[in-house]
Amino acid sequence: MGPYGDPRTPRPVVRPEPPSSAPHLLAVGGGKGGVGKTLVTANLAAALAQAGRRVVAIDTDLEGANLHTVLGVPAPRVSLADFVAKRESDLRRLIVDTPIPGLRLIAGTNGHLGTPQPRSFRRVALLSELRKLPADHVLVDLGAGTHPSVMDYFLVGDDGILVMTPEPTSVENAYSFLRAAFYRRLRLAMTNESARKLVHQAMDQGNQRGIRTPLDLLREVRAIAPEEGDRFATAVQSFRPRIVVNAARTAEDVRLGFAVRSVCKKYFGIDADYVGYVNHDEAVTQAIRQRRPVVVTHPSSDAAVYLVRIARKLLDAARRARGGRPAPRSQAASTSSWARRPIA
């Protein structure tokens, strides 16, 4: 069975439109562990705080929480685990200060090893509470892999960043992550139970219905529920993951982000956004040992410069989004541009 579980189980709530005063929610994930997602989360959060923004970083990786360590915070006595276990219902009471002005933290320490992730109904409550935090930006450090909780956090945010390294295993897992997120987004968009089951079947590349491309899937969906066709197309067009290549050493490593973006467009019709790369830099290792973000300890290092550049891009994108975006192209025009691409 795929990462979504039984298609008959209740699906998570679809992302609501946040109020104008709600924080910008940015989720940072990775297809596998060790790619630097916590490093990226900590430094983007610090860079945004240095830019004068109110920032809360939250560690949802309850099985391997270490965001607090990178930010120089001793293991807090309260954490997200208290919310998951229902010991605390108000996330604001779990916020602790960090040594960086403007940046606060909800740690992921002291988790229940038998129940490392909140169940579906508790995730819905958590995602709702994130929108109420007193901040301009909330950065969510995700666990690795394609667990339903990871996918929900990634998809519910205003922006989702996928961190990868120029290694074959990381690239392979990054594609698996994007593929899982792609189907999760489609399935969340469907309101018809039969259409949702079709999306679940399409996840199997060897499915007996012969669904090989988004167009095949769209045709099948429209055959059983014509009204779902527009929702399908809208879901594809609205999915715009952002890619960061970490620990780049060569020009070829830097070009990897463009290659991944091209594959996303070719096989899924996804307009992924390559927002930048971070050089392999000894300053990063030194900063981790000092338990501080590299943008704080070594602001002139290559890694810090590129991380700040990525933070500025994200900040600009958030401002444009709050100011309103042009209306999307008509579904008739957009469908032909992506639907015939094979599903990788």
Protein backbone atom coordinates (compact mmCIF):
# COMPACT_ATOMS: atom_id res chain seq x y z
CA MET A 1 0.00 0.00 0.00
CA GLY A 2 1.22 3.48 -0.84
CA PRO A 3 2.14 6.20 1.62
CA TYR A 4 -1.43 7.45 1.82
CA GLY A 5 -2.88 4.37 3.45
CA ASP A 6 -6.31 2.99 2.69
CA PRO A 7 -8.22 5.32 0.34
CA ARG A 8 -11.28 4.89 2.54
CA THR A 9 -9.64 6.57 5.52
CA PRO A 10 -10.64 10.18 6.21
CA ARG A 11 -8.47 12.58 4.25
CA PRO A 12 -6.90 15.61 5.90
CA VAL A 13 -8.56 18.95 5.55
CA VAL A 14 -7.72 20.88 2.40
CA ARG A 15 -5.66 23.99 3.03
CA PRO A 16 -7.96 26.89 3.91
CA GLU A 17 -7.36 30.40 2.72
CA PRO A 18 -5.41 32.09 5.52
CA PRO A 19 -6.61 35.41 6.90
CA SER A 20 -4.56 38.41 5.84
CA SER A 21 -2.99 38.63 9.29
CA ALA A 22 -1.94 34.97 9.39
CA PRO A 23 1.75 34.14 9.19
CA HIS A 24 3.34 32.97 5.97
CA LEU A 25 3.74 29.22 6.38
CA LEU A 26 6.83 27.62 4.84
CA ALA A 27 7.54 23.88 5.11
CA VAL A 28 11.03 22.46 4.53
CA GLY A 29 11.33 18.78 3.67
CA GLY A 30 13.67 16.27 2.13
CA GLY A 31 13.28 12.92 0.43
CA LYS A 32 15.77 11.38 2.83
CA GLY A 33 17.59 12.18 6.03
CA GLY A 34 20.94 13.92 6.03
CA VAL A 35 20.31 16.33 3.14
CA GLY A 36 20.43 19.42 5.36
CA LYS A 37 16.77 20.35 5.72
CA THR A 38 17.25 21.35 9.37
CA LEU A 39 20.30 23.40 8.40
CA VAL A 40 18.29 25.17 5.69
CA THR A 41 15.31 25.71 8.01
CA ALA A 42 17.44 27.21 10.77
CA ASN A 43 19.35 29.53 8.47
CA LEU A 44 16.34 30.72 6.50
CA ALA A 45 14.55 31.42 9.78
CA ALA A 46 17.59 33.32 11.10
CA ALA A 47 17.98 35.28 7.86
CA LEU A 48 14.32 36.32 7.90
CA ALA A 49 14.64 37.37 11.54
CA GLN A 50 17.74 39.41 10.67
CA ALA A 51 15.61 41.12 8.02
CA GLY A 52 13.33 42.36 10.79
CA ARG A 53 10.60 39.73 10.45
CA ARG A 54 8.94 37.94 13.38
CA VAL A 55 9.76 34.26 12.89
CA VAL A 56 8.75 31.03 14.60
CA ALA A 57 10.53 27.82 13.62
CA ILE A 58 8.84 24.54 14.52
CA ASP A 59 10.41 21.08 14.55
CA THR A 60 7.89 18.42 13.55
CA ASP A 61 10.49 15.66 13.32
CA LEU A 62 9.62 14.14 16.68
CA GLU A 63 11.72 11.05 15.98
CA GLY A 64 14.94 12.95 15.38
CA ALA A 65 14.42 16.51 16.57
CA ASN A 66 17.56 18.66 16.41
CA LEU A 67 16.43 22.07 15.22
CA HIS A 68 16.87 23.38 18.75
CA THR A 69 20.51 22.28 18.72
CA VAL A 70 21.29 24.10 15.48
CA LEU A 71 19.70 27.24 16.92
CA GLY A 72 21.68 27.05 20.16
CA VAL A 73 18.73 26.25 22.42
CA PRO A 74 19.15 23.68 25.23
CA ALA A 75 16.56 20.90 24.97
CA PRO A 76 13.33 22.66 26.03
CA ARG A 77 11.14 21.12 28.71
CA VAL A 78 8.04 21.83 26.60
CA SER A 79 7.73 20.97 22.93
CA LEU A 80 5.42 19.94 20.12
CA ALA A 81 5.23 16.52 21.76
CA ASP A 82 3.04 18.11 24.45
CA PHE A 83 0.57 19.22 21.79
CA VAL A 84 0.57 15.80 20.11
CA ALA A 85 -0.05 14.10 23.46
CA LYS A 86 -2.83 16.60 24.30
CA ARG A 87 -1.00 17.90 27.33
CA GLU A 88 -1.20 21.37 25.79
CA SER A 89 -3.72 22.69 23.28
CA ASP A 90 -2.22 26.14 22.70
CA LEU A 91 0.91 26.11 20.55
CA ARG A 92 1.80 29.59 21.75
CA ARG A 93 2.59 28.18 25.18
CA LEU A 94 5.23 25.93 23.63
CA ILE A 95 7.25 28.76 22.10
CA VAL A 96 10.70 29.38 23.54
CA ASP A 97 13.23 32.09 22.76
CA THR A 98 16.42 31.54 20.79
CA PRO A 99 19.66 33.54 20.97
CA ILE A 100 18.67 35.22 17.69
CA PRO A 101 16.50 38.35 18.08
CA GLY A 102 13.15 37.97 16.35
CA LEU A 103 13.43 34.18 16.06
CA ARG A 104 11.54 31.86 18.41
CA LEU A 105 11.17 28.09 18.44
CA ILE A 106 8.75 25.25 19.06
CA ALA A 107 11.02 22.28 19.57
CA GLY A 108 10.30 18.64 18.83
CA THR A 109 11.98 17.15 21.89
CA ASN A 110 10.61 14.57 24.34
CA GLY A 111 8.44 12.85 21.76
CA HIS A 112 6.52 9.62 22.43
CA LEU A 113 8.56 6.94 20.68
CA GLY A 114 5.50 4.73 20.33
CA THR A 115 3.50 7.47 18.60
CA PRO A 116 6.09 9.65 16.83
CA GLN A 117 3.58 11.51 14.67
CA PRO A 118 0.14 12.95 15.44
CA ARG A 119 -2.85 11.15 14.05
CA SER A 120 -4.87 12.68 11.24
CA PHE A 121 -7.38 14.58 13.41
CA ARG A 122 -4.57 15.98 15.56
CA ARG A 123 -2.65 17.12 12.47
CA VAL A 124 -5.71 19.08 11.37
CA ALA A 125 -5.75 20.85 14.75
CA LEU A 126 -2.01 21.51 14.55
CA LEU A 127 -2.20 22.99 11.07
CA SER A 128 -5.01 25.25 12.21
CA GLU A 129 -3.01 26.42 15.22
CA LEU A 130 0.03 27.25 13.07
CA ARG A 131 -2.03 29.97 11.40
CA LYS A 132 -2.65 31.59 14.77
CA LEU A 133 0.96 31.95 15.86
CA PRO A 134 2.18 35.51 16.54
CA ALA A 135 4.64 35.71 13.66
CA ASP A 136 5.17 36.99 10.15
CA HIS A 137 6.69 33.67 9.07
CA VAL A 138 6.40 30.14 10.43
CA LEU A 139 9.04 27.70 9.17
CA VAL A 140 8.23 24.02 9.60
CA ASP A 141 11.14 21.56 9.71
CA LEU A 142 9.74 18.26 8.45
CA GLY A 143 10.79 14.69 9.03
CA ALA A 144 12.29 12.73 6.16
CA GLY A 145 10.31 10.49 3.83
CA THR A 146 6.72 10.45 2.61
CA HIS A 147 4.75 9.71 5.77
CA PRO A 148 1.21 11.17 5.52
CA SER A 149 2.03 13.70 8.24
CA VAL A 150 5.07 14.93 6.29
CA MET A 151 3.02 15.28 3.12
CA ASP A 152 0.25 17.13 4.94
CA TYR A 153 2.66 19.66 6.42
CA PHE A 154 4.39 20.11 3.09
CA LEU A 155 1.18 20.67 1.15
CA VAL A 156 -0.70 22.82 3.65
CA GLY A 157 1.92 25.55 3.73
CA ASP A 158 2.02 28.63 1.55
CA ASP A 159 5.38 27.38 0.28
CA GLY A 160 7.01 23.96 0.32
CA ILE A 161 10.79 23.65 -0.04
CA LEU A 162 12.43 20.37 -1.02
CA VAL A 163 16.09 20.15 0.00
CA MET A 164 18.34 17.74 -1.85
CA THR A 165 22.04 17.06 -2.27
CA PRO A 166 23.89 16.16 -5.49
CA GLU A 167 24.01 12.46 -4.67
CA PRO A 168 22.16 9.67 -6.54
CA THR A 169 20.29 8.49 -3.43
CA SER A 170 19.16 12.01 -2.59
CA VAL A 171 18.02 12.71 -6.14
CA GLU A 172 16.10 9.43 -6.31
CA ASN A 173 14.39 10.11 -3.00
CA ALA A 174 13.63 13.70 -4.01
CA TYR A 175 11.71 12.43 -7.04
CA SER A 176 9.84 9.96 -4.83
CA PHE A 177 8.98 12.79 -2.46
CA LEU A 178 7.67 15.01 -5.26
CA ARG A 179 5.73 12.16 -6.82
CA ALA A 180 4.08 11.35 -3.48
CA ALA A 181 3.27 15.02 -2.90
CA PHE A 182 1.89 15.32 -6.44
CA TYR A 183 -0.57 12.47 -5.94
CA ARG A 184 -1.42 13.61 -2.44
CA ARG A 185 -2.32 17.03 -3.81
CA LEU A 186 -4.52 15.47 -6.51
CA ARG A 187 -6.25 13.20 -4.05
CA LEU A 188 -6.92 16.03 -1.62
CA ALA A 189 -8.49 18.04 -4.45
CA MET A 190 -11.03 15.33 -5.29
CA THR A 191 -14.36 15.48 -3.48
CA ASN A 192 -15.79 12.41 -5.19
CA GLU A 193 -14.84 9.16 -3.44
CA SER A 194 -14.56 7.21 -6.70
CA ALA A 195 -12.25 9.88 -8.14
CA ARG A 196 -10.05 9.70 -5.07
CA LYS A 197 -9.79 5.94 -5.47
CA LEU A 198 -8.73 6.44 -9.09
CA VAL A 199 -5.89 8.70 -8.00
CA HIS A 200 -4.89 6.07 -5.46
CA GLN A 201 -4.81 3.41 -8.19
CA ALA A 202 -2.77 5.66 -10.49
CA MET A 203 -0.02 5.74 -7.86
CA ASP A 204 0.77 2.17 -8.94
CA GLN A 205 2.74 2.56 -12.16
CA GLY A 206 1.69 -0.95 -13.16
CA ASN A 207 -2.02 -0.37 -12.49
CA GLN A 208 -4.38 -2.53 -14.51
CA ARG A 209 -6.46 0.41 -15.71
CA GLY A 210 -3.60 1.49 -17.96
CA ILE A 211 -3.23 4.93 -16.36
CA ARG A 212 0.22 6.13 -17.42
CA THR A 213 -0.07 9.90 -17.80
CA PRO A 214 -1.97 12.73 -16.13
CA LEU A 215 -4.15 12.85 -19.24
CA ASP A 216 -5.07 9.18 -18.75
CA LEU A 217 -5.98 9.90 -15.15
CA LEU A 218 -7.92 13.05 -16.06
CA ARG A 219 -9.88 11.13 -18.69
CA GLU A 220 -10.79 8.42 -16.17
CA VAL A 221 -11.76 10.98 -13.54
CA ARG A 222 -14.00 12.90 -15.93
CA ALA A 223 -15.66 9.66 -17.06
CA ILE A 224 -16.93 8.95 -13.56
CA ALA A 225 -17.22 12.51 -12.19
CA PRO A 226 -17.10 15.26 -14.86
CA GLU A 227 -17.19 18.03 -12.25
CA GLU A 228 -13.88 16.80 -10.80
CA GLY A 229 -11.96 17.65 -13.99
CA ASP A 230 -11.54 21.34 -13.16
CA ARG A 231 -10.48 20.53 -9.61
CA PHE A 232 -7.90 18.15 -11.02
CA ALA A 233 -6.40 20.76 -13.35
CA THR A 234 -6.44 23.44 -10.68
CA ALA A 235 -4.63 21.14 -8.26
CA VAL A 236 -1.83 20.53 -10.76
CA GLN A 237 -1.47 24.20 -11.64
CA SER A 238 -1.38 25.30 -7.99
CA PHE A 239 1.32 22.85 -6.93
CA ARG A 240 4.61 24.75 -7.10
CA PRO A 241 7.29 23.16 -4.92
CA ARG A 242 10.54 25.04 -4.44
CA ILE A 243 13.90 23.28 -4.77
CA VAL A 244 17.15 23.93 -2.93
CA VAL A 245 20.35 22.04 -3.75
CA ASN A 246 22.56 21.77 -0.68
CA ALA A 247 26.31 21.08 -0.47
CA ALA A 248 26.98 21.92 -4.11
CA ARG A 249 30.65 21.55 -5.11
CA THR A 250 30.67 21.82 -8.90
CA ALA A 251 28.85 23.58 -11.70
CA GLU A 252 27.18 20.27 -12.48
CA ASP A 253 25.84 20.15 -8.91
CA VAL A 254 24.41 23.64 -9.35
CA ARG A 255 22.71 22.62 -12.61
CA LEU A 256 21.00 19.73 -10.81
CA GLY A 257 18.24 22.03 -9.63
CA PHE A 258 17.42 23.00 -13.20
CA ALA A 259 17.43 19.34 -14.24
CA VAL A 260 14.97 18.43 -11.47
CA ARG A 261 12.77 21.35 -12.43
CA SER A 262 12.80 20.15 -16.04
CA VAL A 263 11.84 16.61 -15.06
CA CYS A 264 8.97 17.91 -12.91
CA LYS A 265 7.65 19.85 -15.89
CA LYS A 266 8.13 17.03 -18.38
CA TYR A 267 6.64 14.16 -16.40
CA PHE A 268 4.18 15.84 -14.04
CA GLY A 269 3.42 19.23 -15.53
CA ILE A 270 4.58 20.75 -12.23
CA ASP A 271 6.10 24.23 -12.35
CA ALA A 272 8.74 23.65 -9.69
CA ASP A 273 10.79 26.67 -8.70
CA TYR A 274 14.56 26.31 -8.28
CA VAL A 275 15.18 28.99 -5.67
CA GLY A 276 18.90 28.41 -5.23
CA TYR A 277 21.78 26.31 -4.02
CA VAL A 278 24.11 26.31 -1.03
CA ASN A 279 27.83 25.72 -1.55
CA HIS A 280 29.67 23.02 0.31
CA ASP A 281 31.40 25.18 2.89
CA GLU A 282 33.56 24.37 5.92
CA ALA A 283 31.95 27.36 7.62
CA VAL A 284 28.74 25.32 7.88
CA THR A 285 30.51 22.59 9.83
CA GLN A 286 32.05 25.16 12.13
CA ALA A 287 28.67 26.82 12.69
CA ILE A 288 27.03 23.50 13.57
CA ARG A 289 29.75 22.83 16.13
CA GLN A 290 29.09 26.28 17.58
CA ARG A 291 25.35 25.51 17.62
CA ARG A 292 24.47 28.58 15.62
CA PRO A 293 23.22 29.20 12.07
CA VAL A 294 26.02 29.95 9.61
CA VAL A 295 24.31 33.23 8.63
CA VAL A 296 25.00 34.33 12.21
CA THR A 297 28.48 32.92 12.83
CA HIS A 298 29.99 33.37 9.36
CA PRO A 299 27.80 35.91 7.53
CA SER A 300 30.41 36.50 4.80
CA SER A 301 30.87 32.82 3.94
CA ASP A 302 29.64 31.50 0.61
CA ALA A 303 27.02 29.30 2.28
CA ALA A 304 25.64 32.21 4.31
CA VAL A 305 25.50 34.51 1.29
CA TYR A 306 23.51 31.99 -0.74
CA LEU A 307 21.18 31.15 2.14
CA VAL A 308 20.40 34.83 2.64
CA ARG A 309 19.77 35.12 -1.10
CA ILE A 310 17.25 32.26 -0.93
CA ALA A 311 15.56 33.86 2.08
CA ARG A 312 15.18 37.11 0.15
CA LYS A 313 13.59 35.28 -2.78
CA LEU A 314 11.11 33.62 -0.47
CA LEU A 315 10.35 36.90 1.26
CA ASP A 316 9.74 38.61 -2.07
CA ALA A 317 7.48 35.75 -3.18
CA ALA A 318 5.49 35.97 0.07
CA ARG A 319 5.03 39.69 -0.39
CA ARG A 320 3.83 39.24 -3.97
CA ALA A 321 1.40 36.56 -2.84
CA ARG A 322 -0.05 38.81 -0.15
CA GLY A 323 -0.39 41.57 -2.71
CA GLY A 324 -2.39 39.36 -5.04
CA ARG A 325 -1.42 37.38 -8.11
CA PRO A 326 -2.75 37.43 -11.68
CA ALA A 327 -5.60 35.07 -12.31
CA PRO A 328 -4.51 31.61 -13.54
CA ARG A 329 -4.85 30.67 -17.17
CA SER A 330 -8.08 29.04 -18.23
CA GLN A 331 -8.29 25.33 -17.52
CA ALA A 332 -8.85 24.58 -21.21
CA ALA A 333 -5.59 26.27 -22.10
CA SER A 334 -3.60 24.79 -19.24
CA THR A 335 -4.74 21.20 -19.55
CA SER A 336 -3.16 20.60 -22.97
CA SER A 337 0.23 21.82 -21.72
CA TRP A 338 0.70 19.11 -19.11
CA ALA A 339 -1.86 16.33 -19.32
CA ARG A 340 -0.15 14.20 -21.97
CA ARG A 341 3.14 13.87 -20.12
CA PRO A 342 3.88 10.36 -18.81
CA ILE A 343 3.75 9.77 -15.09
CA ALA A 344 7.29 9.02 -13.95
